Amino acid sequence: LALLGSGKLGDVSKMITQRYPLDRAV
């Protein structure tokens, strides 16, 4: 969590490429 909050790994948020609500889990 400290690493993710520090930015030392770069912008890893860009790894999250798709977002779905729970009812679209399939």
mmCIF file of all heavy atoms, coordinates in Angstrom:
data_MODEL
# 
_entry.id   MODEL 
# 
loop_
_atom_site.group_PDB 
_atom_site.id 
_atom_site.type_symbol 
_atom_site.label_atom_id 
_atom_site.label_alt_id 
_atom_site.label_comp_id 
_atom_site.label_asym_id 
_atom_site.label_entity_id 
_atom_site.label_seq_id 
_atom_site.pdbx_PDB_ins_code 
_atom_site.Cartn_x 
_atom_site.Cartn_y 
_atom_site.Cartn_z 
_atom_site.occupancy 
_atom_site.B_iso_or_equiv 
_atom_site.pdbx_formal_charge 
_atom_site.auth_seq_id 
_atom_site.auth_comp_id 
_atom_site.auth_asym_id 
_atom_site.auth_atom_id 
_atom_site.pdbx_PDB_model_num 
ATOM 1   N N   . LEU A 1 1  ? 0.826   -1.209  0.000   1.00 0.00 ? 1  LEU A N   1 
ATOM 2   C CA  . LEU A 1 1  ? 0.000   0.000   0.000   1.00 0.00 ? 1  LEU A CA  1 
ATOM 3   C C   . LEU A 1 1  ? 0.863   1.262   0.000   1.00 0.00 ? 1  LEU A C   1 
ATOM 4   O O   . LEU A 1 1  ? 0.541   2.249   -0.672  1.00 0.00 ? 1  LEU A O   1 
ATOM 5   C CB  . LEU A 1 1  ? -0.937  -0.006  1.202   1.00 0.00 ? 1  LEU A CB  1 
ATOM 6   C CG  . LEU A 1 1  ? -2.068  -1.036  1.138   1.00 0.00 ? 1  LEU A CG  1 
ATOM 7   C CD1 . LEU A 1 1  ? -2.764  -1.161  2.487   1.00 0.00 ? 1  LEU A CD1 1 
ATOM 8   C CD2 . LEU A 1 1  ? -3.075  -0.683  0.052   1.00 0.00 ? 1  LEU A CD2 1 
ATOM 9   N N   . ALA A 1 2  ? 1.960   1.225   0.749   1.00 0.00 ? 2  ALA A N   1 
ATOM 10  C CA  . ALA A 1 2  ? 2.864   2.381   0.769   1.00 0.00 ? 2  ALA A CA  1 
ATOM 11  C C   . ALA A 1 2  ? 3.470   2.618   -0.609  1.00 0.00 ? 2  ALA A C   1 
ATOM 12  O O   . ALA A 1 2  ? 3.574   3.769   -1.069  1.00 0.00 ? 2  ALA A O   1 
ATOM 13  C CB  . ALA A 1 2  ? 3.960   2.173   1.810   1.00 0.00 ? 2  ALA A CB  1 
ATOM 14  N N   . LEU A 1 3  ? 3.862   1.545   -1.280  1.00 0.00 ? 3  LEU A N   1 
ATOM 15  C CA  . LEU A 1 3  ? 4.409   1.683   -2.631  1.00 0.00 ? 3  LEU A CA  1 
ATOM 16  C C   . LEU A 1 3  ? 3.383   2.258   -3.593  1.00 0.00 ? 3  LEU A C   1 
ATOM 17  O O   . LEU A 1 3  ? 3.682   3.146   -4.394  1.00 0.00 ? 3  LEU A O   1 
ATOM 18  C CB  . LEU A 1 3  ? 4.896   0.325   -3.143  1.00 0.00 ? 3  LEU A CB  1 
ATOM 19  C CG  . LEU A 1 3  ? 6.303   -0.110  -2.762  1.00 0.00 ? 3  LEU A CG  1 
ATOM 20  C CD1 . LEU A 1 3  ? 6.525   -1.564  -3.168  1.00 0.00 ? 3  LEU A CD1 1 
ATOM 21  C CD2 . LEU A 1 3  ? 7.343   0.783   -3.433  1.00 0.00 ? 3  LEU A CD2 1 
ATOM 22  N N   . LEU A 1 4  ? 2.152   1.741   -3.517  1.00 0.00 ? 4  LEU A N   1 
ATOM 23  C CA  . LEU A 1 4  ? 1.107   2.234   -4.407  1.00 0.00 ? 4  LEU A CA  1 
ATOM 24  C C   . LEU A 1 4  ? 0.813   3.709   -4.153  1.00 0.00 ? 4  LEU A C   1 
ATOM 25  O O   . LEU A 1 4  ? 0.533   4.464   -5.082  1.00 0.00 ? 4  LEU A O   1 
ATOM 26  C CB  . LEU A 1 4  ? -0.165  1.407   -4.225  1.00 0.00 ? 4  LEU A CB  1 
ATOM 27  C CG  . LEU A 1 4  ? -0.095  -0.030  -4.743  1.00 0.00 ? 4  LEU A CG  1 
ATOM 28  C CD1 . LEU A 1 4  ? -1.306  -0.815  -4.274  1.00 0.00 ? 4  LEU A CD1 1 
ATOM 29  C CD2 . LEU A 1 4  ? 0.002   -0.063  -6.269  1.00 0.00 ? 4  LEU A CD2 1 
ATOM 30  N N   . GLY A 1 5  ? 0.890   4.116   -2.894  1.00 0.00 ? 5  GLY A N   1 
ATOM 31  C CA  . GLY A 1 5  ? 0.623   5.504   -2.563  1.00 0.00 ? 5  GLY A CA  1 
ATOM 32  C C   . GLY A 1 5  ? 1.773   6.442   -2.853  1.00 0.00 ? 5  GLY A C   1 
ATOM 33  O O   . GLY A 1 5  ? 1.574   7.650   -2.984  1.00 0.00 ? 5  GLY A O   1 
ATOM 34  N N   . SER A 1 6  ? 2.987   5.886   -2.966  1.00 0.00 ? 6  SER A N   1 
ATOM 35  C CA  . SER A 1 6  ? 4.184   6.719   -3.131  1.00 0.00 ? 6  SER A CA  1 
ATOM 36  C C   . SER A 1 6  ? 4.438   7.163   -4.560  1.00 0.00 ? 6  SER A C   1 
ATOM 37  O O   . SER A 1 6  ? 5.136   8.154   -4.800  1.00 0.00 ? 6  SER A O   1 
ATOM 38  C CB  . SER A 1 6  ? 5.416   5.946   -2.644  1.00 0.00 ? 6  SER A CB  1 
ATOM 39  O OG  . SER A 1 6  ? 5.725   4.884   -3.566  1.00 0.00 ? 6  SER A OG  1 
ATOM 40  N N   . GLY A 1 7  ? 3.920   6.422   -5.526  1.00 0.00 ? 7  GLY A N   1 
ATOM 41  C CA  . GLY A 1 7  ? 4.209   6.727   -6.924  1.00 0.00 ? 7  GLY A CA  1 
ATOM 42  C C   . GLY A 1 7  ? 5.538   6.185   -7.413  1.00 0.00 ? 7  GLY A C   1 
ATOM 43  O O   . GLY A 1 7  ? 5.911   6.403   -8.571  1.00 0.00 ? 7  GLY A O   1 
ATOM 44  N N   . LYS A 1 8  ? 6.280   5.460   -6.562  1.00 0.00 ? 8  LYS A N   1 
ATOM 45  C CA  . LYS A 1 8  ? 7.596   4.967   -6.953  1.00 0.00 ? 8  LYS A CA  1 
ATOM 46  C C   . LYS A 1 8  ? 7.537   3.954   -8.096  1.00 0.00 ? 8  LYS A C   1 
ATOM 47  O O   . LYS A 1 8  ? 8.524   3.759   -8.803  1.00 0.00 ? 8  LYS A O   1 
ATOM 48  C CB  . LYS A 1 8  ? 8.307   4.349   -5.746  1.00 0.00 ? 8  LYS A CB  1 
ATOM 49  C CG  . LYS A 1 8  ? 8.703   5.357   -4.680  1.00 0.00 ? 8  LYS A CG  1 
ATOM 50  C CD  . LYS A 1 8  ? 9.388   4.677   -3.497  1.00 0.00 ? 8  LYS A CD  1 
ATOM 51  C CE  . LYS A 1 8  ? 9.764   5.692   -2.430  1.00 0.00 ? 8  LYS A CE  1 
ATOM 52  N NZ  . LYS A 1 8  ? 10.411  5.033   -1.246  1.00 0.00 ? 8  LYS A NZ  1 
ATOM 53  N N   . LEU A 1 9  ? 6.391   3.288   -8.246  1.00 0.00 ? 9  LEU A N   1 
ATOM 54  C CA  . LEU A 1 9  ? 6.260   2.280   -9.306  1.00 0.00 ? 9  LEU A CA  1 
ATOM 55  C C   . LEU A 1 9  ? 5.803   2.888   -10.623 1.00 0.00 ? 9  LEU A C   1 
ATOM 56  O O   . LEU A 1 9  ? 5.627   2.161   -11.612 1.00 0.00 ? 9  LEU A O   1 
ATOM 57  C CB  . LEU A 1 9  ? 5.268   1.192   -8.878  1.00 0.00 ? 9  LEU A CB  1 
ATOM 58  C CG  . LEU A 1 9  ? 5.621   0.392   -7.633  1.00 0.00 ? 9  LEU A CG  1 
ATOM 59  C CD1 . LEU A 1 9  ? 4.552   -0.648  -7.356  1.00 0.00 ? 9  LEU A CD1 1 
ATOM 60  C CD2 . LEU A 1 9  ? 6.986   -0.271  -7.780  1.00 0.00 ? 9  LEU A CD2 1 
ATOM 61  N N   . GLY A 1 10 ? 5.618   4.196   -10.650 1.00 0.00 ? 10 GLY A N   1 
ATOM 62  C CA  . GLY A 1 10 ? 5.044   4.814   -11.840 1.00 0.00 ? 10 GLY A CA  1 
ATOM 63  C C   . GLY A 1 10 ? 3.523   4.844   -11.715 1.00 0.00 ? 10 GLY A C   1 
ATOM 64  O O   . GLY A 1 10 ? 2.950   4.559   -10.663 1.00 0.00 ? 10 GLY A O   1 
ATOM 65  N N   . ASP A 1 11 ? 2.869   5.184   -12.804 1.00 0.00 ? 11 ASP A N   1 
ATOM 66  C CA  . ASP A 1 11 ? 1.417   5.319   -12.788 1.00 0.00 ? 11 ASP A CA  1 
ATOM 67  C C   . ASP A 1 11 ? 0.766   3.965   -13.021 1.00 0.00 ? 11 ASP A C   1 
ATOM 68  O O   . ASP A 1 11 ? 0.258   3.668   -14.108 1.00 0.00 ? 11 ASP A O   1 
ATOM 69  C CB  . ASP A 1 11 ? 0.960   6.322   -13.844 1.00 0.00 ? 11 ASP A CB  1 
ATOM 70  C CG  . ASP A 1 11 ? -0.513  6.683   -13.684 1.00 0.00 ? 11 ASP A CG  1 
ATOM 71  O OD1 . ASP A 1 11 ? -1.155  6.143   -12.759 1.00 0.00 ? 11 ASP A OD1 1 
ATOM 72  O OD2 . ASP A 1 11 ? -1.016  7.492   -14.484 1.00 0.00 ? 11 ASP A OD2 1 
ATOM 73  N N   . VAL A 1 12 ? 0.764   3.123   -11.972 1.00 0.00 ? 12 VAL A N   1 
ATOM 74  C CA  . VAL A 1 12 ? 0.199   1.787   -12.117 1.00 0.00 ? 12 VAL A CA  1 
ATOM 75  C C   . VAL A 1 12 ? -1.321  1.814   -12.218 1.00 0.00 ? 12 VAL A C   1 
ATOM 76  O O   . VAL A 1 12 ? -1.942  0.808   -12.559 1.00 0.00 ? 12 VAL A O   1 
ATOM 77  C CB  . VAL A 1 12 ? 0.644   0.854   -10.970 1.00 0.00 ? 12 VAL A CB  1 
ATOM 78  C CG1 . VAL A 1 12 ? 2.120   0.570   -11.055 1.00 0.00 ? 12 VAL A CG1 1 
ATOM 79  C CG2 . VAL A 1 12 ? 0.286   1.446   -9.617  1.00 0.00 ? 12 VAL A CG2 1 
ATOM 80  N N   . SER A 1 13 ? -1.942  2.972   -11.955 1.00 0.00 ? 13 SER A N   1 
ATOM 81  C CA  . SER A 1 13 ? -3.393  3.059   -12.123 1.00 0.00 ? 13 SER A CA  1 
ATOM 82  C C   . SER A 1 13 ? -3.803  2.804   -13.569 1.00 0.00 ? 13 SER A C   1 
ATOM 83  O O   . SER A 1 13 ? -4.938  2.388   -13.831 1.00 0.00 ? 13 SER A O   1 
ATOM 84  C CB  . SER A 1 13 ? -3.908  4.430   -11.671 1.00 0.00 ? 13 SER A CB  1 
ATOM 85  O OG  . SER A 1 13 ? -3.436  5.466   -12.523 1.00 0.00 ? 13 SER A OG  1 
ATOM 86  N N   . LYS A 1 14 ? -2.880  3.031   -14.498 1.00 0.00 ? 14 LYS A N   1 
ATOM 87  C CA  . LYS A 1 14 ? -3.192  2.791   -15.907 1.00 0.00 ? 14 LYS A CA  1 
ATOM 88  C C   . LYS A 1 14 ? -3.368  1.305   -16.212 1.00 0.00 ? 14 LYS A C   1 
ATOM 89  O O   . LYS A 1 14 ? -3.870  0.949   -17.283 1.00 0.00 ? 14 LYS A O   1 
ATOM 90  C CB  . LYS A 1 14 ? -2.102  3.387   -16.794 1.00 0.00 ? 14 LYS A CB  1 
ATOM 91  C CG  . LYS A 1 14 ? -2.079  4.915   -16.763 1.00 0.00 ? 14 LYS A CG  1 
ATOM 92  C CD  . LYS A 1 14 ? -1.008  5.487   -17.662 1.00 0.00 ? 14 LYS A CD  1 
ATOM 93  C CE  . LYS A 1 14 ? -1.038  7.015   -17.643 1.00 0.00 ? 14 LYS A CE  1 
ATOM 94  N NZ  . LYS A 1 14 ? 0.044   7.605   -18.476 1.00 0.00 ? 14 LYS A NZ  1 
ATOM 95  N N   . MET A 1 15 ? -2.936  0.444   -15.278 1.00 0.00 ? 15 MET A N   1 
ATOM 96  C CA  . MET A 1 15 ? -3.175  -0.990  -15.451 1.00 0.00 ? 15 MET A CA  1 
ATOM 97  C C   . MET A 1 15 ? -4.657  -1.333  -15.386 1.00 0.00 ? 15 MET A C   1 
ATOM 98  O O   . MET A 1 15 ? -5.084  -2.361  -15.916 1.00 0.00 ? 15 MET A O   1 
ATOM 99  C CB  . MET A 1 15 ? -2.431  -1.787  -14.376 1.00 0.00 ? 15 MET A CB  1 
ATOM 100 C CG  . MET A 1 15 ? -0.931  -1.857  -14.580 1.00 0.00 ? 15 MET A CG  1 
ATOM 101 S SD  . MET A 1 15 ? -0.121  -2.715  -13.200 1.00 0.00 ? 15 MET A SD  1 
ATOM 102 C CE  . MET A 1 15 ? -1.054  -4.234  -13.139 1.00 0.00 ? 15 MET A CE  1 
ATOM 103 N N   . ILE A 1 16 ? -5.435  -0.492  -14.717 1.00 0.00 ? 16 ILE A N   1 
ATOM 104 C CA  . ILE A 1 16 ? -6.877  -0.752  -14.594 1.00 0.00 ? 16 ILE A CA  1 
ATOM 105 C C   . ILE A 1 16 ? -7.531  -0.275  -15.887 1.00 0.00 ? 16 ILE A C   1 
ATOM 106 O O   . ILE A 1 16 ? -7.830  0.909   -16.052 1.00 0.00 ? 16 ILE A O   1 
ATOM 107 C CB  . ILE A 1 16 ? -7.465  -0.048  -13.359 1.00 0.00 ? 16 ILE A CB  1 
ATOM 108 C CG1 . ILE A 1 16 ? -6.736  -0.497  -12.097 1.00 0.00 ? 16 ILE A CG1 1 
ATOM 109 C CG2 . ILE A 1 16 ? -8.968  -0.335  -13.253 1.00 0.00 ? 16 ILE A CG2 1 
ATOM 110 C CD1 . ILE A 1 16 ? -7.102  0.286   -10.859 1.00 0.00 ? 16 ILE A CD1 1 
ATOM 111 N N   . THR A 1 17 ? -7.732  -1.195  -16.792 1.00 0.00 ? 17 THR A N   1 
ATOM 112 C CA  . THR A 1 17 ? -8.176  -0.847  -18.136 1.00 0.00 ? 17 THR A CA  1 
ATOM 113 C C   . THR A 1 17 ? -9.675  -0.996  -18.349 1.00 0.00 ? 17 THR A C   1 
ATOM 114 O O   . THR A 1 17 ? -10.216 -0.439  -19.302 1.00 0.00 ? 17 THR A O   1 
ATOM 115 C CB  . THR A 1 17 ? -7.430  -1.707  -19.168 1.00 0.00 ? 17 THR A CB  1 
ATOM 116 O OG1 . THR A 1 17 ? -7.481  -3.093  -18.767 1.00 0.00 ? 17 THR A OG1 1 
ATOM 117 C CG2 . THR A 1 17 ? -5.974  -1.281  -19.281 1.00 0.00 ? 17 THR A CG2 1 
ATOM 118 N N   . GLN A 1 18 ? -10.351 -1.753  -17.497 1.00 0.00 ? 18 GLN A N   1 
ATOM 119 C CA  . GLN A 1 18 ? -11.800 -1.933  -17.613 1.00 0.00 ? 18 GLN A CA  1 
ATOM 120 C C   . GLN A 1 18 ? -12.435 -1.914  -16.219 1.00 0.00 ? 18 GLN A C   1 
ATOM 121 O O   . GLN A 1 18 ? -11.859 -2.450  -15.272 1.00 0.00 ? 18 GLN A O   1 
ATOM 122 C CB  . GLN A 1 18 ? -12.174 -3.266  -18.312 1.00 0.00 ? 18 GLN A CB  1 
ATOM 123 C CG  . GLN A 1 18 ? -11.976 -3.280  -19.815 1.00 0.00 ? 18 GLN A CG  1 
ATOM 124 C CD  . GLN A 1 18 ? -10.539 -3.521  -20.226 1.00 0.00 ? 18 GLN A CD  1 
ATOM 125 O OE1 . GLN A 1 18 ? -9.735  -4.006  -19.420 1.00 0.00 ? 18 GLN A OE1 1 
ATOM 126 N NE2 . GLN A 1 18 ? -10.191 -3.198  -21.451 1.00 0.00 ? 18 GLN A NE2 1 
ATOM 127 N N   . ARG A 1 19 ? -13.631 -1.317  -16.130 1.00 0.00 ? 19 ARG A N   1 
ATOM 128 C CA  . ARG A 1 19 ? -14.368 -1.236  -14.869 1.00 0.00 ? 19 ARG A CA  1 
ATOM 129 C C   . ARG A 1 19 ? -15.818 -1.641  -15.135 1.00 0.00 ? 19 ARG A C   1 
ATOM 130 O O   . ARG A 1 19 ? -16.438 -1.148  -16.084 1.00 0.00 ? 19 ARG A O   1 
ATOM 131 C CB  . ARG A 1 19 ? -14.302 0.179   -14.290 1.00 0.00 ? 19 ARG A CB  1 
ATOM 132 C CG  . ARG A 1 19 ? -12.864 0.657   -14.053 1.00 0.00 ? 19 ARG A CG  1 
ATOM 133 C CD  . ARG A 1 19 ? -12.822 2.135   -13.675 1.00 0.00 ? 19 ARG A CD  1 
ATOM 134 N NE  . ARG A 1 19 ? -11.443 2.626   -13.654 1.00 0.00 ? 19 ARG A NE  1 
ATOM 135 C CZ  . ARG A 1 19 ? -10.870 3.239   -12.617 1.00 0.00 ? 19 ARG A CZ  1 
ATOM 136 N NH1 . ARG A 1 19 ? -11.559 3.429   -11.504 1.00 0.00 ? 19 ARG A NH1 1 
ATOM 137 N NH2 . ARG A 1 19 ? -9.623  3.651   -12.689 1.00 0.00 ? 19 ARG A NH2 1 
ATOM 138 N N   . TYR A 1 20 ? -16.349 -2.524  -14.284 1.00 0.00 ? 20 TYR A N   1 
ATOM 139 C CA  . TYR A 1 20 ? -17.697 -3.045  -14.480 1.00 0.00 ? 20 TYR A CA  1 
ATOM 140 C C   . TYR A 1 20 ? -18.454 -3.004  -13.153 1.00 0.00 ? 20 TYR A C   1 
ATOM 141 O O   . TYR A 1 20 ? -17.884 -3.338  -12.107 1.00 0.00 ? 20 TYR A O   1 
ATOM 142 C CB  . TYR A 1 20 ? -17.667 -4.512  -14.937 1.00 0.00 ? 20 TYR A CB  1 
ATOM 143 C CG  . TYR A 1 20 ? -16.812 -4.804  -16.147 1.00 0.00 ? 20 TYR A CG  1 
ATOM 144 C CD1 . TYR A 1 20 ? -15.433 -4.969  -16.019 1.00 0.00 ? 20 TYR A CD1 1 
ATOM 145 C CD2 . TYR A 1 20 ? -17.383 -4.957  -17.406 1.00 0.00 ? 20 TYR A CD2 1 
ATOM 146 C CE1 . TYR A 1 20 ? -14.644 -5.266  -17.118 1.00 0.00 ? 20 TYR A CE1 1 
ATOM 147 C CE2 . TYR A 1 20 ? -16.604 -5.264  -18.519 1.00 0.00 ? 20 TYR A CE2 1 
ATOM 148 C CZ  . TYR A 1 20 ? -15.235 -5.405  -18.363 1.00 0.00 ? 20 TYR A CZ  1 
ATOM 149 O OH  . TYR A 1 20 ? -14.450 -5.704  -19.455 1.00 0.00 ? 20 TYR A OH  1 
ATOM 150 N N   . PRO A 1 21 ? -19.738 -2.656  -13.175 1.00 0.00 ? 21 PRO A N   1 
ATOM 151 C CA  . PRO A 1 21 ? -20.546 -2.833  -11.961 1.00 0.00 ? 21 PRO A CA  1 
ATOM 152 C C   . PRO A 1 21 ? -20.744 -4.316  -11.691 1.00 0.00 ? 21 PRO A C   1 
ATOM 153 O O   . PRO A 1 21 ? -20.558 -5.154  -12.581 1.00 0.00 ? 21 PRO A O   1 
ATOM 154 C CB  . PRO A 1 21 ? -21.864 -2.137  -12.315 1.00 0.00 ? 21 PRO A CB  1 
ATOM 155 C CG  . PRO A 1 21 ? -21.936 -2.196  -13.806 1.00 0.00 ? 21 PRO A CG  1 
ATOM 156 C CD  . PRO A 1 21 ? -20.508 -2.107  -14.302 1.00 0.00 ? 21 PRO A CD  1 
ATOM 157 N N   . LEU A 1 22 ? -21.143 -4.623  -10.472 1.00 0.00 ? 22 LEU A N   1 
ATOM 158 C CA  . LEU A 1 22 ? -21.261 -6.024  -10.058 1.00 0.00 ? 22 LEU A CA  1 
ATOM 159 C C   . LEU A 1 22 ? -22.219 -6.800  -10.947 1.00 0.00 ? 22 LEU A C   1 
ATOM 160 O O   . LEU A 1 22 ? -21.971 -7.982  -11.244 1.00 0.00 ? 22 LEU A O   1 
ATOM 161 C CB  . LEU A 1 22 ? -21.720 -6.089  -8.595  1.00 0.00 ? 22 LEU A CB  1 
ATOM 162 C CG  . LEU A 1 22 ? -21.856 -7.478  -7.968  1.00 0.00 ? 22 LEU A CG  1 
ATOM 163 C CD1 . LEU A 1 22 ? -20.520 -8.228  -7.984  1.00 0.00 ? 22 LEU A CD1 1 
ATOM 164 C CD2 . LEU A 1 22 ? -22.387 -7.361  -6.538  1.00 0.00 ? 22 LEU A CD2 1 
ATOM 165 N N   . ASP A 1 23 ? -23.309 -6.167  -11.386 1.00 0.00 ? 23 ASP A N   1 
ATOM 166 C CA  . ASP A 1 23 ? -24.297 -6.911  -12.173 1.00 0.00 ? 23 ASP A CA  1 
ATOM 167 C C   . ASP A 1 23 ? -23.806 -7.253  -13.580 1.00 0.00 ? 23 ASP A C   1 
ATOM 168 O O   . ASP A 1 23 ? -24.469 -7.979  -14.317 1.00 0.00 ? 23 ASP A O   1 
ATOM 169 C CB  . ASP A 1 23 ? -25.637 -6.167  -12.231 1.00 0.00 ? 23 ASP A CB  1 
ATOM 170 C CG  . ASP A 1 23 ? -25.527 -4.786  -12.868 1.00 0.00 ? 23 ASP A CG  1 
ATOM 171 O OD1 . ASP A 1 23 ? -24.444 -4.426  -13.377 1.00 0.00 ? 23 ASP A OD1 1 
ATOM 172 O OD2 . ASP A 1 23 ? -26.540 -4.048  -12.844 1.00 0.00 ? 23 ASP A OD2 1 
ATOM 173 N N   . ARG A 1 24 ? -22.612 -6.761  -13.960 1.00 0.00 ? 24 ARG A N   1 
ATOM 174 C CA  . ARG A 1 24 ? -22.021 -7.101  -15.257 1.00 0.00 ? 24 ARG A CA  1 
ATOM 175 C C   . ARG A 1 24 ? -20.779 -7.979  -15.071 1.00 0.00 ? 24 ARG A C   1 
ATOM 176 O O   . ARG A 1 24 ? -19.886 -7.993  -15.914 1.00 0.00 ? 24 ARG A O   1 
ATOM 177 C CB  . ARG A 1 24 ? -21.664 -5.833  -16.032 1.00 0.00 ? 24 ARG A CB  1 
ATOM 178 C CG  . ARG A 1 24 ? -22.890 -5.059  -16.533 1.00 0.00 ? 24 ARG A CG  1 
ATOM 179 C CD  . ARG A 1 24 ? -22.510 -3.707  -17.097 1.00 0.00 ? 24 ARG A CD  1 
ATOM 180 N NE  . ARG A 1 24 ? -21.476 -3.794  -18.125 1.00 0.00 ? 24 ARG A NE  1 
ATOM 181 C CZ  . ARG A 1 24 ? -20.722 -2.757  -18.521 1.00 0.00 ? 24 ARG A CZ  1 
ATOM 182 N NH1 . ARG A 1 24 ? -20.886 -1.566  -17.960 1.00 0.00 ? 24 ARG A NH1 1 
ATOM 183 N NH2 . ARG A 1 24 ? -19.808 -2.917  -19.454 1.00 0.00 ? 24 ARG A NH2 1 
ATOM 184 N N   . ALA A 1 25 ? -20.731 -8.719  -13.967 1.00 0.00 ? 25 ALA A N   1 
ATOM 185 C CA  . ALA A 1 25 ? -19.554 -9.544  -13.684 1.00 0.00 ? 25 ALA A CA  1 
ATOM 186 C C   . ALA A 1 25 ? -19.306 -10.589 -14.760 1.00 0.00 ? 25 ALA A C   1 
ATOM 187 O O   . ALA A 1 25 ? -18.155 -10.871 -15.118 1.00 0.00 ? 25 ALA A O   1 
ATOM 188 C CB  . ALA A 1 25 ? -19.698 -10.213 -12.321 1.00 0.00 ? 25 ALA A CB  1 
ATOM 189 N N   . VAL A 1 26 ? -20.371 -11.192 -15.296 1.00 0.00 ? 26 VAL A N   1 
ATOM 190 C CA  . VAL A 1 26 ? -20.189 -12.205 -16.347 1.00 0.00 ? 26 VAL A CA  1 
ATOM 191 C C   . VAL A 1 26 ? -19.524 -11.584 -17.574 1.00 0.00 ? 26 VAL A C   1 
ATOM 192 O O   . VAL A 1 26 ? -18.607 -12.167 -18.170 1.00 0.00 ? 26 VAL A O   1 
ATOM 193 C CB  . VAL A 1 26 ? -21.533 -12.855 -16.720 1.00 0.00 ? 26 VAL A CB  1 
ATOM 194 C CG1 . VAL A 1 26 ? -21.361 -13.796 -17.914 1.00 0.00 ? 26 VAL A CG1 1 
ATOM 195 C CG2 . VAL A 1 26 ? -22.113 -13.628 -15.538 1.00 0.00 ? 26 VAL A CG2 1 
# 
